[in-house]
Amino acid sequence: MKRRSKGGAVINKPIGRRKKAKSDDNLNVMLRMCLEKVCELQHELNKADECEEDAQAAGYAACAMEALSFLAREGLPQDHPMVTALTEKLAGGADAAPADDHDQGQA
């Protein structure tokens, strides 16, 4: 803040400790608000990841059930080697299938 001395010269009033403390408090409040927002957004991202994994698992289960239903409609009994092998493979989940099944035989 500027003020004039008796002689008319402008004197810059130094920032007091209270103003600096208040400025620091405001900065801390802003940083805290930013941190809370970051945490909130991270929580939302985590929930989205969980939902995506649930959707993938549901899709995998639906696909597995449809494949087995198709074989049953085509007349293959549950004890047929193809049905039992597919059931074991599907029951193991997506992790049981090799990642490069479609690339086998290619160099």
Protein backbone atom coordinates (compact mmCIF):
# COMPACT_ATOMS: atom_id res chain seq x y z
CA MET A 1 0.00 0.00 0.00
CA LYS A 2 1.32 3.43 -0.87
CA ARG A 3 1.13 6.50 1.29
CA ARG A 4 2.70 9.91 1.22
CA SER A 5 5.17 11.23 3.74
CA LYS A 6 4.95 14.75 5.14
CA GLY A 7 7.26 15.93 2.40
CA GLY A 8 5.02 14.45 -0.33
CA ALA A 9 7.24 11.48 -1.24
CA VAL A 10 5.52 8.15 -1.84
CA ILE A 11 6.33 5.53 0.77
CA ASN A 12 5.74 1.85 -0.01
CA LYS A 13 4.32 0.18 3.03
CA PRO A 14 5.92 -3.27 3.48
CA ILE A 15 3.68 -6.31 3.47
CA GLY A 16 2.95 -7.17 7.06
CA ARG A 17 3.20 -10.57 8.63
CA ARG A 18 -0.56 -10.83 8.84
CA LYS A 19 -1.00 -10.29 5.13
CA LYS A 20 1.70 -12.86 4.34
CA ALA A 21 0.13 -15.35 6.73
CA LYS A 22 -3.27 -14.73 5.15
CA SER A 23 -1.74 -15.18 1.70
CA ASP A 24 -0.14 -18.45 2.81
CA ASP A 25 -3.46 -19.59 4.29
CA ASN A 26 -5.23 -18.83 1.00
CA LEU A 27 -2.58 -20.77 -0.89
CA ASN A 28 -2.97 -23.73 1.49
CA VAL A 29 -6.74 -23.65 1.04
CA MET A 30 -6.36 -23.64 -2.75
CA LEU A 31 -3.85 -26.49 -2.64
CA ARG A 32 -6.14 -28.49 -0.37
CA MET A 33 -9.06 -27.93 -2.75
CA CYS A 34 -6.92 -29.06 -5.69
CA LEU A 35 -5.82 -32.18 -3.83
CA GLU A 36 -9.42 -33.02 -2.95
CA LYS A 37 -10.42 -32.64 -6.61
CA VAL A 38 -7.54 -34.85 -7.75
CA CYS A 39 -8.55 -37.51 -5.19
CA GLU A 40 -12.17 -37.30 -6.33
CA LEU A 41 -11.18 -37.72 -9.98
CA GLN A 42 -8.88 -40.64 -9.13
CA HIS A 43 -11.75 -42.32 -7.27
CA GLU A 44 -14.00 -41.89 -10.32
CA LEU A 45 -11.32 -43.39 -12.58
CA ASN A 46 -10.95 -46.38 -10.25
CA LYS A 47 -14.72 -46.94 -10.30
CA ALA A 48 -14.74 -46.75 -14.11
CA ASP A 49 -11.96 -49.35 -14.28
CA GLU A 50 -13.93 -51.67 -11.97
CA CYS A 51 -17.06 -51.27 -14.09
CA GLU A 52 -15.07 -51.99 -17.24
CA GLU A 53 -13.68 -55.19 -15.71
CA ASP A 54 -17.19 -56.22 -14.63
CA ALA A 55 -18.48 -55.59 -18.15
CA GLN A 56 -15.65 -57.66 -19.65
CA ALA A 57 -16.36 -60.55 -17.26
CA ALA A 58 -20.08 -60.40 -18.03
CA GLY A 59 -19.38 -60.35 -21.76
CA TYR A 60 -17.01 -63.30 -21.47
CA ALA A 61 -19.58 -65.29 -19.47
CA ALA A 62 -22.34 -64.51 -21.98
CA CYS A 63 -20.11 -65.56 -24.86
CA ALA A 64 -19.12 -68.79 -23.11
CA MET A 65 -22.73 -69.67 -22.34
CA GLU A 66 -23.78 -68.95 -25.93
CA ALA A 67 -20.99 -71.16 -27.33
CA LEU A 68 -22.00 -74.07 -25.09
CA SER A 69 -25.70 -73.54 -25.87
CA PHE A 70 -24.94 -73.59 -29.59
CA LEU A 71 -23.14 -76.93 -29.30
CA ALA A 72 -26.06 -78.36 -27.29
CA ARG A 73 -28.56 -77.15 -29.93
CA GLU A 74 -26.44 -78.81 -32.60
CA GLY A 75 -26.88 -82.10 -30.76
CA LEU A 76 -23.53 -82.54 -29.04
CA PRO A 77 -23.97 -84.13 -25.59
CA GLN A 78 -22.29 -82.59 -22.55
CA ASP A 79 -19.88 -85.51 -22.31
CA HIS A 80 -18.65 -85.05 -25.91
CA PRO A 81 -14.86 -84.39 -25.93
CA MET A 82 -15.29 -81.09 -27.78
CA VAL A 83 -17.88 -79.82 -25.27
CA THR A 84 -15.86 -80.92 -22.23
CA ALA A 85 -12.65 -79.39 -23.61
CA LEU A 86 -14.41 -76.12 -24.42
CA THR A 87 -16.09 -76.08 -21.01
CA GLU A 88 -12.74 -76.56 -19.26
CA LYS A 89 -11.13 -73.86 -21.40
CA LEU A 90 -13.96 -71.38 -20.82
CA ALA A 91 -14.21 -72.16 -17.11
CA GLY A 92 -10.55 -71.18 -16.77
CA GLY A 93 -11.48 -67.66 -17.86
CA ALA A 94 -9.90 -65.38 -20.38
CA ASP A 95 -6.49 -65.80 -18.71
CA ALA A 96 -6.45 -69.52 -19.53
CA ALA A 97 -6.41 -68.87 -23.27
CA PRO A 98 -3.00 -68.14 -24.76
CA ALA A 99 -2.74 -64.50 -25.80
CA ASP A 100 -1.30 -65.35 -29.21
CA ASP A 101 -3.75 -68.10 -30.30
CA HIS A 102 -4.50 -66.25 -33.53
CA ASP A 103 -0.77 -65.81 -34.28
CA GLN A 104 0.22 -69.49 -33.96
CA GLY A 105 1.78 -70.88 -37.08
CA GLN A 106 2.98 -67.47 -38.23
CA ALA A 107 6.64 -66.52 -38.09
